[in-house]
Amino acid sequence: MKKLLLGSVLAASSIFTVTACTSVNATTDTTPTAQMQKNHKDGMKKGEMRGPMSKLDLTATQQAQIKAIMQNKRGDRTADRAEHQAERAQMDQQIQALTNASTLNTTALNRLADQQAAKEKQRFIERVQTQHAIAQVLTAEQRAKMEQMKSERQEKGRKHSKDLKGHDKQHQGM
């Protein structure tokens, strides 16, 4: 009898706890989610700049020029996507063969590392070329504002990184 009574009490308290947590989450979670969805939809309106560019007060001409630069960049990437996927699959096979070999072929490993470094170099060059092309569209004031936003973003990242390191040290001491 005591076990039955105790089981009933535990079941009832579990139901009340779940119900209370659900109602709390329902009132606290829906507002931010709805706001995030609204912001996402607002940012997705056709013809609008997003991210840092949206804060630069770009003229219609500047927006059109920047969109053309970005579409050209995007077009290049999508055209080469199948080729990149095939290259990546081949490289993965070569890495797997090196990994499974009884001895490591350092010549092949160095060749793969050089190939990877060359691809990374090309991506870096393309990124800087795109940034340069966009910077040429901006006025001096807009470039300065963009640089200020970049610095603030980097400082925020550094602060976040320091906070994480401090958090890790606290947990290591426990």
N, C-alpha and C. Protein backbone atom coordinates (compact mmCIF):
# COMPACT_ATOMS: atom_id res chain seq x y z
N MET A 1 0.83 -1.19 0.00
CA MET A 1 0.00 0.00 0.00
C MET A 1 0.87 1.25 0.00
N LYS A 2 1.94 1.23 0.82
CA LYS A 2 2.83 2.39 0.89
C LYS A 2 3.50 2.61 -0.47
N LYS A 3 3.89 1.51 -1.14
CA LYS A 3 4.53 1.65 -2.45
C LYS A 3 3.58 2.25 -3.47
N LEU A 4 2.33 1.84 -3.42
CA LEU A 4 1.34 2.36 -4.35
C LEU A 4 1.10 3.85 -4.11
N LEU A 5 0.99 4.23 -2.84
CA LEU A 5 0.78 5.63 -2.47
C LEU A 5 2.00 6.48 -2.87
N LEU A 6 3.19 5.98 -2.58
CA LEU A 6 4.41 6.69 -2.93
C LEU A 6 4.55 6.84 -4.46
N GLY A 7 4.22 5.78 -5.18
CA GLY A 7 4.27 5.83 -6.64
C GLY A 7 3.30 6.85 -7.21
N SER A 8 2.09 6.91 -6.62
CA SER A 8 1.09 7.88 -7.08
C SER A 8 1.55 9.31 -6.84
N VAL A 9 2.13 9.55 -5.67
CA VAL A 9 2.63 10.89 -5.33
C VAL A 9 3.75 11.29 -6.28
N LEU A 10 4.66 10.38 -6.53
CA LEU A 10 5.76 10.68 -7.46
C LEU A 10 5.24 10.95 -8.87
N ALA A 11 4.28 10.17 -9.33
CA ALA A 11 3.72 10.36 -10.66
C ALA A 11 3.03 11.72 -10.76
N ALA A 12 2.25 12.06 -9.73
CA ALA A 12 1.55 13.34 -9.73
C ALA A 12 2.53 14.51 -9.71
N SER A 13 3.57 14.40 -8.89
CA SER A 13 4.53 15.50 -8.83
C SER A 13 5.29 15.63 -10.15
N SER A 14 5.56 14.51 -10.81
CA SER A 14 6.23 14.55 -12.12
C SER A 14 5.36 15.26 -13.14
N ILE A 15 4.09 14.95 -13.13
CA ILE A 15 3.16 15.58 -14.08
C ILE A 15 3.09 17.08 -13.83
N PHE A 16 3.00 17.48 -12.56
CA PHE A 16 2.95 18.91 -12.24
C PHE A 16 4.24 19.61 -12.66
N THR A 17 5.37 18.96 -12.46
CA THR A 17 6.66 19.55 -12.84
C THR A 17 6.75 19.74 -14.34
N VAL A 18 6.39 18.72 -15.09
CA VAL A 18 6.44 18.81 -16.55
C VAL A 18 5.49 19.89 -17.05
N THR A 19 4.30 19.93 -16.49
CA THR A 19 3.32 20.94 -16.89
C THR A 19 3.83 22.35 -16.59
N ALA A 20 4.41 22.53 -15.42
CA ALA A 20 4.93 23.85 -15.04
C ALA A 20 6.07 24.27 -15.95
N CYS A 21 6.99 23.34 -16.23
CA CYS A 21 8.12 23.66 -17.12
C CYS A 21 7.63 23.98 -18.52
N THR A 22 6.66 23.23 -18.99
CA THR A 22 6.14 23.47 -20.33
C THR A 22 5.48 24.83 -20.43
N SER A 23 4.70 25.19 -19.42
CA SER A 23 4.04 26.49 -19.48
C SER A 23 5.05 27.63 -19.37
N VAL A 24 6.10 27.46 -18.59
CA VAL A 24 7.14 28.49 -18.49
C VAL A 24 7.84 28.62 -19.82
N ASN A 25 8.22 27.51 -20.44
CA ASN A 25 8.89 27.56 -21.74
C ASN A 25 7.98 28.15 -22.81
N ALA A 26 6.70 27.86 -22.73
CA ALA A 26 5.77 28.37 -23.74
C ALA A 26 5.72 29.89 -23.68
N THR A 27 5.75 30.45 -22.48
CA THR A 27 5.66 31.91 -22.39
C THR A 27 7.00 32.58 -22.66
N THR A 28 8.11 31.92 -22.35
CA THR A 28 9.40 32.57 -22.53
C THR A 28 10.01 32.31 -23.89
N ASP A 29 9.77 31.16 -24.51
CA ASP A 29 10.43 30.81 -25.75
C ASP A 29 9.76 31.36 -26.99
N THR A 30 8.46 31.55 -26.98
CA THR A 30 7.78 31.93 -28.21
C THR A 30 8.11 33.35 -28.64
N THR A 31 8.25 34.26 -27.72
CA THR A 31 8.50 35.63 -28.11
C THR A 31 9.85 35.80 -28.81
N PRO A 32 10.97 35.31 -28.27
CA PRO A 32 12.23 35.46 -28.99
C PRO A 32 12.22 34.73 -30.34
N THR A 33 11.63 33.53 -30.38
CA THR A 33 11.60 32.79 -31.63
C THR A 33 10.80 33.54 -32.67
N ALA A 34 9.65 34.06 -32.28
CA ALA A 34 8.83 34.82 -33.22
C ALA A 34 9.59 36.06 -33.70
N GLN A 35 10.29 36.71 -32.79
CA GLN A 35 11.06 37.90 -33.16
C GLN A 35 12.20 37.53 -34.10
N MET A 36 12.89 36.42 -33.82
CA MET A 36 13.98 35.99 -34.69
C MET A 36 13.46 35.66 -36.08
N GLN A 37 12.30 34.98 -36.15
CA GLN A 37 11.73 34.64 -37.44
C GLN A 37 11.34 35.90 -38.21
N LYS A 38 10.79 36.88 -37.50
CA LYS A 38 10.42 38.13 -38.15
C LYS A 38 11.66 38.84 -38.69
N ASN A 39 12.72 38.90 -37.85
CA ASN A 39 13.96 39.53 -38.30
C ASN A 39 14.54 38.80 -39.50
N HIS A 40 14.48 37.48 -39.47
CA HIS A 40 15.01 36.69 -40.59
C HIS A 40 14.24 37.01 -41.86
N LYS A 41 12.90 37.04 -41.76
CA LYS A 41 12.09 37.34 -42.94
C LYS A 41 12.34 38.77 -43.43
N ASP A 42 12.48 39.71 -42.50
CA ASP A 42 12.75 41.09 -42.88
C ASP A 42 14.08 41.20 -43.61
N GLY A 43 15.08 40.47 -43.15
CA GLY A 43 16.39 40.50 -43.78
C GLY A 43 16.41 39.81 -45.13
N MET A 44 15.42 38.96 -45.38
CA MET A 44 15.39 38.21 -46.62
C MET A 44 14.62 38.93 -47.73
N LYS A 45 14.10 40.12 -47.45
CA LYS A 45 13.37 40.85 -48.48
C LYS A 45 14.26 41.05 -49.69
N LYS A 46 13.68 40.85 -50.84
CA LYS A 46 14.45 40.97 -52.07
C LYS A 46 14.91 42.41 -52.25
N GLY A 47 16.15 42.57 -52.63
CA GLY A 47 16.68 43.89 -52.92
C GLY A 47 17.33 44.58 -51.73
N GLU A 48 17.37 43.94 -50.57
CA GLU A 48 17.97 44.57 -49.39
C GLU A 48 19.34 44.00 -49.12
N MET A 49 20.22 44.86 -48.65
CA MET A 49 21.54 44.41 -48.19
C MET A 49 21.37 43.87 -46.78
N ARG A 50 22.19 42.86 -46.45
CA ARG A 50 22.15 42.29 -45.11
C ARG A 50 23.53 42.42 -44.48
N GLY A 51 23.59 42.15 -43.19
CA GLY A 51 24.87 42.17 -42.50
C GLY A 51 25.42 43.58 -42.37
N PRO A 52 26.75 43.69 -42.33
CA PRO A 52 27.37 45.01 -42.16
C PRO A 52 27.02 45.98 -43.28
N MET A 53 26.82 45.47 -44.47
CA MET A 53 26.51 46.36 -45.61
C MET A 53 25.21 47.13 -45.40
N SER A 54 24.28 46.54 -44.65
CA SER A 54 23.00 47.20 -44.43
C SER A 54 23.14 48.45 -43.56
N LYS A 55 24.26 48.58 -42.86
CA LYS A 55 24.47 49.71 -41.94
C LYS A 55 25.28 50.83 -42.57
N LEU A 56 25.58 50.73 -43.87
CA LEU A 56 26.45 51.72 -44.50
C LEU A 56 25.71 52.79 -45.31
N ASP A 57 24.39 52.76 -45.30
CA ASP A 57 23.61 53.74 -46.06
C ASP A 57 24.05 53.78 -47.52
N LEU A 58 24.03 52.63 -48.17
CA LEU A 58 24.46 52.53 -49.57
C LEU A 58 23.42 53.15 -50.49
N THR A 59 23.89 53.77 -51.55
CA THR A 59 22.98 54.27 -52.57
C THR A 59 22.49 53.09 -53.40
N ALA A 60 21.47 53.31 -54.19
CA ALA A 60 20.94 52.25 -55.04
C ALA A 60 22.01 51.78 -56.03
N THR A 61 22.80 52.70 -56.54
CA THR A 61 23.88 52.36 -57.47
C THR A 61 24.92 51.49 -56.79
N GLN A 62 25.31 51.87 -55.58
CA GLN A 62 26.29 51.09 -54.84
C GLN A 62 25.76 49.68 -54.55
N GLN A 63 24.49 49.60 -54.16
CA GLN A 63 23.89 48.30 -53.88
C GLN A 63 23.92 47.42 -55.13
N ALA A 64 23.58 48.00 -56.27
CA ALA A 64 23.57 47.24 -57.52
C ALA A 64 24.99 46.78 -57.88
N GLN A 65 25.97 47.64 -57.70
CA GLN A 65 27.35 47.27 -58.01
C GLN A 65 27.85 46.15 -57.09
N ILE A 66 27.55 46.26 -55.82
CA ILE A 66 27.99 45.24 -54.85
C ILE A 66 27.27 43.91 -55.13
N LYS A 67 25.98 43.98 -55.44
CA LYS A 67 25.26 42.75 -55.77
C LYS A 67 25.85 42.08 -57.00
N ALA A 68 26.24 42.88 -57.99
CA ALA A 68 26.85 42.31 -59.19
C ALA A 68 28.17 41.62 -58.85
N ILE A 69 28.96 42.23 -57.99
CA ILE A 69 30.23 41.62 -57.57
C ILE A 69 29.96 40.30 -56.86
N MET A 70 29.01 40.29 -55.94
CA MET A 70 28.69 39.09 -55.19
C MET A 70 28.09 38.00 -56.08
N GLN A 71 27.23 38.38 -57.02
CA GLN A 71 26.64 37.38 -57.92
C GLN A 71 27.71 36.78 -58.82
N ASN A 72 28.64 37.59 -59.26
CA ASN A 72 29.74 37.08 -60.07
C ASN A 72 30.56 36.07 -59.27
N LYS A 73 30.85 36.41 -58.03
CA LYS A 73 31.60 35.51 -57.14
C LYS A 73 30.82 34.22 -56.92
N ARG A 74 29.52 34.34 -56.64
CA ARG A 74 28.67 33.18 -56.39
C ARG A 74 28.56 32.32 -57.65
N GLY A 75 28.46 32.96 -58.81
CA GLY A 75 28.38 32.22 -60.06
C GLY A 75 29.62 31.39 -60.31
N ASP A 76 30.78 31.94 -60.02
CA ASP A 76 32.03 31.20 -60.18
C ASP A 76 32.05 29.98 -59.27
N ARG A 77 31.58 30.14 -58.05
CA ARG A 77 31.60 29.02 -57.09
C ARG A 77 30.65 27.92 -57.51
N THR A 78 29.44 28.27 -57.95
CA THR A 78 28.48 27.23 -58.31
C THR A 78 28.89 26.50 -59.57
N ALA A 79 29.53 27.19 -60.50
CA ALA A 79 29.96 26.54 -61.73
C ALA A 79 31.04 25.49 -61.46
N ASP A 80 31.88 25.75 -60.49
CA ASP A 80 32.98 24.84 -60.18
C ASP A 80 32.65 23.83 -59.08
N ARG A 81 31.43 23.86 -58.58
CA ARG A 81 31.07 23.01 -57.44
C ARG A 81 31.28 21.52 -57.71
N ALA A 82 30.82 21.02 -58.85
CA ALA A 82 30.96 19.59 -59.16
C ALA A 82 32.43 19.21 -59.26
N GLU A 83 33.23 20.08 -59.86
CA GLU A 83 34.67 19.82 -59.97
C GLU A 83 35.32 19.76 -58.59
N HIS A 84 34.94 20.70 -57.72
CA HIS A 84 35.50 20.72 -56.36
C HIS A 84 35.10 19.48 -55.57
N GLN A 85 33.87 19.03 -55.76
CA GLN A 85 33.41 17.84 -55.04
C GLN A 85 34.18 16.61 -55.51
N ALA A 86 34.45 16.52 -56.80
CA ALA A 86 35.21 15.38 -57.33
C ALA A 86 36.65 15.43 -56.80
N GLU A 87 37.25 16.62 -56.79
CA GLU A 87 38.61 16.76 -56.26
C GLU A 87 38.65 16.38 -54.78
N ARG A 88 37.65 16.81 -54.04
CA ARG A 88 37.61 16.51 -52.60
C ARG A 88 37.47 15.00 -52.37
N ALA A 89 36.62 14.35 -53.17
CA ALA A 89 36.44 12.90 -53.03
C ALA A 89 37.75 12.17 -53.33
N GLN A 90 38.45 12.64 -54.36
CA GLN A 90 39.73 12.02 -54.71
C GLN A 90 40.75 12.23 -53.58
N MET A 91 40.78 13.43 -53.03
CA MET A 91 41.72 13.71 -51.94
C MET A 91 41.38 12.86 -50.72
N ASP A 92 40.09 12.71 -50.42
CA ASP A 92 39.68 11.87 -49.30
C ASP A 92 40.14 10.43 -49.49
N GLN A 93 40.04 9.93 -50.71
CA GLN A 93 40.51 8.57 -51.00
C GLN A 93 42.02 8.46 -50.79
N GLN A 94 42.75 9.47 -51.22
CA GLN A 94 44.20 9.45 -51.05
C GLN A 94 44.58 9.51 -49.57
N ILE A 95 43.86 10.32 -48.80
CA ILE A 95 44.11 10.42 -47.37
C ILE A 95 43.81 9.07 -46.70
N GLN A 96 42.71 8.47 -47.10
CA GLN A 96 42.34 7.16 -46.54
C GLN A 96 43.40 6.12 -46.86
N ALA A 97 43.92 6.14 -48.10
CA ALA A 97 44.98 5.19 -48.48
C ALA A 97 46.23 5.42 -47.64
N LEU A 98 46.59 6.68 -47.42
CA LEU A 98 47.76 6.97 -46.58
C LEU A 98 47.53 6.50 -45.14
N THR A 99 46.34 6.71 -44.65
CA THR A 99 46.01 6.34 -43.28
C THR A 99 46.06 4.83 -43.08
N ASN A 100 45.57 4.09 -44.07
CA ASN A 100 45.49 2.64 -43.94
C ASN A 100 46.79 1.92 -44.28
N ALA A 101 47.75 2.61 -44.87
CA ALA A 101 49.01 1.97 -45.25
C ALA A 101 49.79 1.58 -44.00
N SER A 102 50.57 0.52 -44.13
CA SER A 102 51.36 0.07 -42.97
C SER A 102 52.48 1.05 -42.64
N THR A 103 53.01 1.76 -43.65
CA THR A 103 54.00 2.82 -43.40
C THR A 103 53.51 4.09 -44.09
N LEU A 104 53.84 5.20 -43.50
CA LEU A 104 53.38 6.49 -44.03
C LEU A 104 54.27 6.94 -45.18
N ASN A 105 53.67 7.20 -46.32
CA ASN A 105 54.38 7.69 -47.50
C ASN A 105 54.47 9.21 -47.37
N THR A 106 55.59 9.70 -46.87
CA THR A 106 55.73 11.14 -46.62
C THR A 106 55.77 11.95 -47.91
N THR A 107 56.24 11.37 -48.99
CA THR A 107 56.25 12.08 -50.28
C THR A 107 54.81 12.37 -50.72
N ALA A 108 53.96 11.36 -50.65
CA ALA A 108 52.55 11.54 -51.03
C ALA A 108 51.86 12.49 -50.06
N LEU A 109 52.19 12.38 -48.79
CA LEU A 109 51.61 13.27 -47.79
C LEU A 109 51.99 14.72 -48.06
N ASN A 110 53.25 14.98 -48.38
CA ASN A 110 53.70 16.34 -48.70
C ASN A 110 53.02 16.86 -49.96
N ARG A 111 52.82 16.00 -50.94
CA ARG A 111 52.15 16.40 -52.18
C ARG A 111 50.71 16.82 -51.88
N LEU A 112 50.00 16.04 -51.05
CA LEU A 112 48.62 16.38 -50.67
C LEU A 112 48.58 17.70 -49.88
N ALA A 113 49.55 17.87 -48.99
CA ALA A 113 49.61 19.11 -48.20
C ALA A 113 49.83 20.31 -49.11
N ASP A 114 50.70 20.15 -50.12
CA ASP A 114 50.95 21.24 -51.07
C ASP A 114 49.70 21.56 -51.89
N GLN A 115 48.97 20.52 -52.29
CA GLN A 115 47.72 20.74 -53.04
C GLN A 115 46.71 21.50 -52.19
N GLN A 116 46.59 21.10 -50.93
CA GLN A 116 45.65 21.76 -50.03
C GLN A 116 46.06 23.21 -49.79
N ALA A 117 47.35 23.45 -49.63
CA ALA A 117 47.85 24.82 -49.41
C ALA A 117 47.58 25.69 -50.63
N ALA A 118 47.74 25.12 -51.82
CA ALA A 118 47.49 25.89 -53.05
C ALA A 118 46.02 26.27 -53.16
N LYS A 119 45.13 25.36 -52.79
CA LYS A 119 43.69 25.67 -52.83
C LYS A 119 43.34 26.75 -51.82
N GLU A 120 43.91 26.64 -50.62
CA GLU A 120 43.66 27.65 -49.60
C GLU A 120 44.19 29.02 -50.04
N LYS A 121 45.34 29.02 -50.68
CA LYS A 121 45.92 30.28 -51.19
C LYS A 121 44.99 30.90 -52.23
N GLN A 122 44.45 30.08 -53.12
CA GLN A 122 43.54 30.59 -54.16
C GLN A 122 42.27 31.16 -53.53
N ARG A 123 41.71 30.47 -52.53
CA ARG A 123 40.51 30.99 -51.85
C ARG A 123 40.80 32.32 -51.17
N PHE A 124 41.98 32.43 -50.55
CA PHE A 124 42.39 33.67 -49.90
C PHE A 124 42.48 34.80 -50.91
N ILE A 125 43.12 34.54 -52.04
CA ILE A 125 43.28 35.56 -53.09
C ILE A 125 41.91 36.01 -53.59
N GLU A 126 41.03 35.07 -53.86
CA GLU A 126 39.69 35.42 -54.35
C GLU A 126 38.91 36.24 -53.32
N ARG A 127 39.04 35.89 -52.04
CA ARG A 127 38.34 36.63 -51.00
C ARG A 127 38.84 38.08 -50.93
N VAL A 128 40.14 38.27 -50.97
CA VAL A 128 40.70 39.62 -50.89
C VAL A 128 40.34 40.42 -52.15
N GLN A 129 40.34 39.76 -53.31
CA GLN A 129 39.96 40.45 -54.54
C GLN A 129 38.51 40.92 -54.46
N THR A 130 37.63 40.10 -53.91
CA THR A 130 36.22 40.48 -53.76
C THR A 130 36.10 41.64 -52.78
N GLN A 131 36.81 41.57 -51.66
CA GLN A 131 36.77 42.66 -50.68
C GLN A 131 37.28 43.95 -51.29
N HIS A 132 38.33 43.86 -52.11
CA HIS A 132 38.88 45.04 -52.77
C HIS A 132 37.86 45.64 -53.73
N ALA A 133 37.23 44.78 -54.52
CA ALA A 133 36.24 45.27 -55.49
C ALA A 133 35.09 45.98 -54.78
N ILE A 134 34.64 45.43 -53.67
CA ILE A 134 33.55 46.06 -52.92
C ILE A 134 34.03 47.36 -52.31
N ALA A 135 35.25 47.39 -51.77
CA ALA A 135 35.78 48.62 -51.16
C ALA A 135 35.87 49.74 -52.18
N GLN A 136 36.12 49.42 -53.45
CA GLN A 136 36.21 50.45 -54.47
C GLN A 136 34.87 51.10 -54.76
N VAL A 137 33.78 50.40 -54.43
CA VAL A 137 32.44 50.94 -54.63
C VAL A 137 32.07 51.90 -53.49
N LEU A 138 32.64 51.69 -52.31
CA LEU A 138 32.30 52.48 -51.13
C LEU A 138 33.02 53.83 -51.12
N THR A 139 32.39 54.78 -50.43
CA THR A 139 33.04 56.07 -50.22
C THR A 139 34.06 55.91 -49.09
N ALA A 140 34.90 56.93 -48.91
CA ALA A 140 35.90 56.90 -47.84
C ALA A 140 35.22 56.77 -46.48
N GLU A 141 34.11 57.48 -46.29
CA GLU A 141 33.40 57.42 -45.01
C GLU A 141 32.82 56.02 -44.78
N GLN A 142 32.27 55.42 -45.84
CA GLN A 142 31.71 54.08 -45.71
C GLN A 142 32.80 53.05 -45.41
N ARG A 143 33.96 53.22 -46.04
CA ARG A 143 35.07 52.29 -45.76
C ARG A 143 35.52 52.43 -44.31
N ALA A 144 35.57 53.67 -43.82
CA ALA A 144 35.96 53.90 -42.42
C ALA A 144 34.95 53.27 -41.47
N LYS A 145 33.67 53.43 -41.77
CA LYS A 145 32.63 52.85 -40.93
C LYS A 145 32.71 51.32 -40.97
N MET A 146 32.99 50.76 -42.13
CA MET A 146 33.12 49.31 -42.28
C MET A 146 34.31 48.82 -41.44
N GLU A 147 35.41 49.55 -41.48
CA GLU A 147 36.59 49.18 -40.70
C GLU A 147 36.30 49.26 -39.20
N GLN A 148 35.55 50.28 -38.79
CA GLN A 148 35.18 50.42 -37.38
C GLN A 148 34.31 49.23 -36.95
N MET A 149 33.34 48.85 -37.77
CA MET A 149 32.47 47.71 -37.43
C MET A 149 33.29 46.42 -37.36
N LYS A 150 34.27 46.28 -38.25
CA LYS A 150 35.13 45.10 -38.25
C LYS A 150 35.94 45.05 -36.96
N SER A 151 36.49 46.19 -36.56
CA SER A 151 37.27 46.25 -35.31
C SER A 151 36.41 45.91 -34.10
N GLU A 152 35.19 46.45 -34.07
CA GLU A 152 34.29 46.16 -32.96
C GLU A 152 33.94 44.67 -32.91
N ARG A 153 33.71 44.08 -34.09
CA ARG A 153 33.39 42.66 -34.16
C ARG A 153 34.57 41.81 -33.68
N GLN A 154 35.79 42.21 -34.08
CA GLN A 154 36.98 41.47 -33.64
C GLN A 154 37.18 41.60 -32.14
N GLU A 155 36.96 42.80 -31.61
CA GLU A 155 37.11 43.02 -30.17
C GLU A 155 36.08 42.18 -29.40
N LYS A 156 34.88 42.13 -29.91
CA LYS A 156 33.84 41.32 -29.28
C LYS A 156 34.24 39.84 -29.30
N GLY A 157 34.83 39.40 -30.40
CA GLY A 157 35.30 38.02 -30.50
C GLY A 157 36.43 37.74 -29.53
N ARG A 158 37.36 38.68 -29.39
CA ARG A 158 38.46 38.51 -28.44
C ARG A 158 37.93 38.43 -27.01
N LYS A 159 36.96 39.31 -26.69
CA LYS A 159 36.38 39.31 -25.35
C LYS A 159 35.68 37.97 -25.10
N HIS A 160 34.94 37.50 -26.08
CA HIS A 160 34.24 36.22 -25.94
C HIS A 160 35.24 35.09 -25.74
N SER A 161 36.33 35.13 -26.49
CA SER A 161 37.37 34.10 -26.37
C SER A 161 37.99 34.11 -24.97
N LYS A 162 38.25 35.30 -24.44
CA LYS A 162 38.81 35.42 -23.09
C LYS A 162 37.82 34.89 -22.06
N ASP A 163 36.54 35.21 -22.26
CA ASP A 163 35.52 34.72 -21.34
C ASP A 163 35.47 33.19 -21.35
N LEU A 164 35.58 32.60 -22.52
CA LEU A 164 35.57 31.14 -22.62
C LEU A 164 36.78 30.53 -21.94
N LYS A 165 37.94 31.15 -22.10
CA LYS A 165 39.14 30.63 -21.46
C LYS A 165 39.02 30.71 -19.95
N GLY A 166 38.48 31.80 -19.44
CA GLY A 166 38.27 31.93 -18.01
C GLY A 166 37.27 30.90 -17.50
N HIS A 167 36.25 30.64 -18.30
CA HIS A 167 35.24 29.65 -17.95
C HIS A 167 35.86 28.26 -17.88
N ASP A 168 36.75 27.94 -18.83
CA ASP A 168 37.42 26.64 -18.83
C ASP A 168 38.32 26.49 -17.61
N LYS A 169 39.03 27.55 -17.23
CA LYS A 169 39.92 27.49 -16.07
C LYS A 169 39.12 27.26 -14.79
N GLN A 170 37.93 27.86 -14.70
CA GLN A 170 37.11 27.68 -13.52
C GLN A 170 36.71 26.22 -13.38
N HIS A 171 36.36 25.59 -14.51
CA HIS A 171 35.91 24.20 -14.47
C HIS A 171 37.08 23.23 -14.25
N GLN A 172 38.28 23.61 -14.65
CA GLN A 172 39.44 22.74 -14.44
C GLN A 172 39.79 22.68 -12.96
N GLY A 173 39.56 23.76 -12.25
CA GLY A 173 39.88 23.82 -10.83
C GLY A 173 38.92 23.03 -9.96
N MET A 174 37.79 22.62 -10.54
CA MET A 174 36.78 21.90 -9.75
C MET A 174 37.12 20.47 -9.59
